[in-house]
Structures are given as structure tokens and as C-alpha cells.
Amino acid sequence: MYRNVVIGHGELAGSGNYFGHRHPALVAALTEQLGRVTLVSRAFQSDRLEPFAAALAELAGKDSLLIEYGSGSSTKTRILLDHLCDPACYIPIDISREHLIRSATDLAEAYPNIEVSAVCADYTQPFEVPHCDGASRRVVYFPGSTIGNFHQKRARVFLERIAKVCGAEGGLLIGIDLK
């Protein structure tokens, strides 16, 4: 079921820190036309995620609350959701409100047994995570390699915030570009 939970900081001015995250519809259109967007780490393109999806799902655990930072079109999310064992909820977070609602609605229709609650927010800033009944743990899913754009101090603060969102029993699945 999709709950139209949209909270956060509203529309944000463009920033060099957001690259494609500010305009996920543009990134999706380019991906369709070009077959590949060079700003996206090759390690986290959909075709390379599939072989690892079962192992990632096992790490996430049964009845998890999956929180995706910078969800965009949620293409990679579908691969992970297909492998998760009875996920309790999925919370996509993005700053592009219209695209976020469209993607969340599509996912809720494709996965009717998973509660989907969209959050419109800048995930680098504090935000409220909606409550999810039946979740055994929180797992933050951050497949993009955006953290490589942060200075060391900002990256540390960002990871500390994620740790607070996850809680003591939570987990983090993060994509980091090693080049």
C-alpha cells in the first residue's frame, strides 16, 4: 500500500553536490537514449547488481524496512526488492517531489504486499523516517557513489547520520566508487 507521506525541506536550489539527483527524470531519459550514463558508477548499474542481489537481501534480513537515499527512478531497487524476504516497508527518499511520487506509486503497484512511503527530503540533512509496523530492522540502501563527492568531514557527518537512522540493529548497503 502506498501512503502519500511527503515530508522534508521542500524544493531546494540546485547544487553541484546533487548532480543527477536533482533531475532524476533527465537521468532516466538519458539512460534510455544512451544506454549508459557515465556519471553513474559502473559497479552499481542494474546489470551488475543482479549477481549480488540475493546476498544483499540476505544481509538486509527478513521483515526489514528498506530506506533508499536518492531513490530516483528506483530501477536498482526493484532488483533488490525481488530478492528480499518479506520486506516490511520501502521508503524512497529524493528531492524531486513529482518524480518521487510517480516512482513510489509505480513500486506500490508492482509490490502490493510492501508498504511504500515516499519522503521528499535532502538526504544529506536530518529528516524524519515514517513509522513502519512489523519491521525487524532498518536498512539504508545508498547504491549511488555520491559519497565520493563529499569532503572527508562531510562524509563522516553523513555516515554518522545514517548510523542514527539505522539504529543499533540496522544495516547499510552503500555503493562506493573505488576509482
Protein backbone atom coordinates (compact mmCIF):
# COMPACT_ATOMS: atom_id res chain seq x y z
CA MET A 1 0.00 0.00 0.00
CA TYR A 2 1.28 3.46 -0.86
CA ARG A 3 0.90 6.17 1.73
CA ASN A 4 1.46 9.62 0.34
CA VAL A 5 3.84 10.67 3.09
CA VAL A 6 5.85 13.54 1.70
CA ILE A 7 7.86 15.45 4.25
CA GLY A 8 11.08 17.37 4.16
CA HIS A 9 12.64 20.63 3.19
CA GLY A 10 10.62 21.37 0.03
CA GLU A 11 12.21 22.46 -3.22
CA LEU A 12 15.94 23.05 -2.96
CA ALA A 13 18.13 25.29 -5.07
CA GLY A 14 20.41 23.43 -7.45
CA SER A 15 23.81 22.49 -6.13
CA GLY A 16 26.90 20.85 -7.56
CA ASN A 17 26.57 18.21 -4.82
CA TYR A 18 23.39 16.74 -6.31
CA PHE A 19 24.30 16.17 -9.98
CA GLY A 20 21.64 13.81 -11.38
CA HIS A 21 19.79 13.51 -8.08
CA ARG A 22 18.18 16.93 -8.67
CA HIS A 23 16.69 15.84 -12.01
CA PRO A 24 16.16 12.05 -11.94
CA ALA A 25 13.73 12.25 -14.87
CA LEU A 26 16.50 13.70 -17.03
CA VAL A 27 18.92 11.00 -15.91
CA ALA A 28 16.33 8.30 -16.70
CA ALA A 29 15.73 9.76 -20.18
CA LEU A 30 19.45 9.91 -20.91
CA THR A 31 19.89 6.36 -19.69
CA GLU A 32 17.18 5.14 -22.08
CA GLN A 33 18.65 7.05 -25.01
CA LEU A 34 22.32 6.40 -24.47
CA GLY A 35 22.15 3.02 -22.77
CA ARG A 36 24.58 4.24 -20.13
CA VAL A 37 25.24 7.45 -18.21
CA THR A 38 28.90 7.95 -17.44
CA LEU A 39 28.18 9.80 -14.17
CA VAL A 40 26.82 6.58 -12.66
CA SER A 41 29.35 4.16 -11.21
CA ARG A 42 29.60 1.05 -13.40
CA ALA A 43 29.61 -1.13 -10.28
CA PHE A 44 26.04 -0.16 -9.48
CA GLN A 45 24.35 -0.30 -12.84
CA SER A 46 21.38 -2.63 -12.82
CA ASP A 47 23.03 -5.37 -14.86
CA ARG A 48 25.91 -5.62 -12.38
CA LEU A 49 23.72 -5.59 -9.29
CA GLU A 50 21.74 -8.73 -10.14
CA PRO A 51 24.52 -11.26 -9.25
CA PHE A 52 24.82 -9.73 -5.77
CA ALA A 53 21.14 -9.08 -5.05
CA ALA A 54 20.49 -12.36 -3.21
CA ALA A 55 23.49 -11.84 -0.92
CA LEU A 56 22.49 -8.21 -0.27
CA ALA A 57 18.94 -9.30 0.52
CA GLU A 58 20.24 -11.89 2.95
CA LEU A 59 22.28 -9.20 4.71
CA ALA A 60 19.18 -6.98 4.91
CA GLY A 61 17.25 -9.78 6.62
CA LYS A 62 13.61 -10.74 6.87
CA ASP A 63 10.94 -8.08 7.54
CA SER A 64 13.37 -5.21 7.04
CA LEU A 65 12.49 -1.58 6.49
CA LEU A 66 14.42 -0.56 3.37
CA ILE A 67 15.25 3.16 3.23
CA GLU A 68 16.75 4.30 -0.07
CA TYR A 69 18.70 7.55 -0.22
CA GLY A 70 18.43 9.28 -3.61
CA SER A 71 15.95 6.78 -5.00
CA GLY A 72 15.48 8.41 -8.42
CA SER A 73 13.54 6.00 -10.64
CA SER A 74 14.17 3.07 -8.24
CA THR A 75 15.40 0.83 -11.08
CA LYS A 76 18.03 -0.90 -8.94
CA THR A 77 15.58 -1.06 -6.04
CA ARG A 78 13.32 -3.45 -7.96
CA ILE A 79 16.20 -5.91 -8.28
CA LEU A 80 16.76 -5.82 -4.52
CA LEU A 81 13.03 -5.94 -3.67
CA ASP A 82 12.67 -9.04 -5.85
CA HIS A 83 15.18 -10.81 -3.59
CA LEU A 84 14.24 -9.51 -0.13
CA CYS A 85 12.48 -11.89 2.25
CA ASP A 86 9.13 -10.31 3.18
CA PRO A 87 10.25 -6.68 3.42
CA ALA A 88 8.01 -4.73 5.79
CA CYS A 89 8.29 -1.33 4.11
CA TYR A 90 10.18 0.60 1.47
CA ILE A 91 10.91 4.31 1.95
CA PRO A 92 12.34 6.09 -1.08
CA ILE A 93 13.94 9.46 -0.34
CA ASP A 94 14.58 12.02 -3.05
CA ILE A 95 14.40 15.78 -3.53
CA SER A 96 12.46 15.68 -6.79
CA ARG A 97 8.89 15.54 -5.44
CA GLU A 98 6.96 14.75 -8.64
CA HIS A 99 9.36 12.06 -9.81
CA LEU A 100 9.48 10.59 -6.30
CA ILE A 101 5.69 10.28 -6.06
CA ARG A 102 5.46 8.74 -9.54
CA SER A 103 8.21 6.18 -8.79
CA ALA A 104 6.75 5.34 -5.35
CA THR A 105 3.28 4.86 -6.85
CA ASP A 106 4.69 2.56 -9.55
CA LEU A 107 6.55 0.50 -6.94
CA ALA A 108 3.50 0.24 -4.70
CA GLU A 109 1.51 -1.12 -7.64
CA ALA A 110 4.27 -3.58 -8.59
CA TYR A 111 4.78 -4.74 -4.97
CA PRO A 112 1.31 -4.62 -3.33
CA ASN A 113 2.48 -6.50 -0.21
CA ILE A 114 5.11 -3.87 0.64
CA GLU A 115 4.10 -0.60 2.28
CA VAL A 116 5.71 2.28 0.34
CA SER A 117 6.07 5.69 1.99
CA ALA A 118 7.84 8.40 0.00
CA VAL A 119 9.87 11.12 1.73
CA CYS A 120 10.75 14.27 -0.16
CA ALA A 121 13.93 15.49 1.50
CA ASP A 122 17.59 16.29 1.08
CA TYR A 123 19.07 13.08 2.47
CA THR A 124 22.29 14.88 3.45
CA GLN A 125 20.26 16.78 6.07
CA PRO A 126 18.26 15.42 9.03
CA PHE A 127 14.76 14.18 8.11
CA GLU A 128 12.02 12.11 9.72
CA VAL A 129 11.62 8.44 8.77
CA PRO A 130 7.95 7.33 8.76
CA HIS A 131 6.98 4.56 11.18
CA CYS A 132 6.76 1.05 9.73
CA ASP A 133 4.76 -1.62 11.54
CA GLY A 134 6.35 -5.06 11.60
CA ALA A 135 9.87 -4.03 10.64
CA SER A 136 12.58 -6.10 12.30
CA ARG A 137 15.34 -3.63 11.44
CA ARG A 138 16.14 -0.57 9.37
CA VAL A 139 18.44 -0.92 6.37
CA VAL A 140 19.63 2.14 4.46
CA TYR A 141 20.25 1.45 0.77
CA PHE A 142 22.51 4.00 -0.91
CA PRO A 143 23.64 2.45 -4.20
CA GLY A 144 24.98 5.63 -5.80
CA SER A 145 28.59 6.64 -5.33
CA THR A 146 27.66 10.22 -4.35
CA ILE A 147 29.59 9.93 -1.09
CA GLY A 148 32.77 10.19 -3.14
CA ASN A 149 31.82 13.81 -3.87
CA PHE A 150 31.90 14.73 -0.17
CA HIS A 151 34.91 16.10 1.66
CA GLN A 152 36.11 13.76 4.43
CA LYS A 153 34.48 15.69 7.29
CA ARG A 154 31.13 15.95 5.47
CA ALA A 155 31.25 12.24 4.60
CA ARG A 156 31.84 11.37 8.27
CA VAL A 157 28.88 13.52 9.40
CA PHE A 158 26.71 11.96 6.68
CA LEU A 159 27.64 8.41 7.74
CA GLU A 160 27.01 9.28 11.40
CA ARG A 161 23.50 10.46 10.44
CA ILE A 162 22.90 7.22 8.56
CA ALA A 163 24.01 5.26 11.64
CA LYS A 164 21.41 7.11 13.72
CA VAL A 165 18.70 6.37 11.12
CA CYS A 166 19.66 2.67 11.08
CA GLY A 167 19.88 2.23 14.83
CA ALA A 168 21.95 -0.34 16.70
CA GLU A 169 20.45 -3.36 14.90
CA GLY A 170 20.27 -1.72 11.47
CA GLY A 171 22.40 -2.00 8.38
CA LEU A 172 23.82 -0.02 5.47
CA LEU A 173 24.16 -1.16 1.86
CA ILE A 174 26.30 1.52 0.22
CA GLY A 175 27.88 1.92 -3.19
CA ILE A 176 31.34 3.44 -3.24
CA ASP A 177 33.24 4.12 -6.44
CA LEU A 178 36.76 2.77 -5.87
CA LYS A 179 38.33 4.68 -8.75
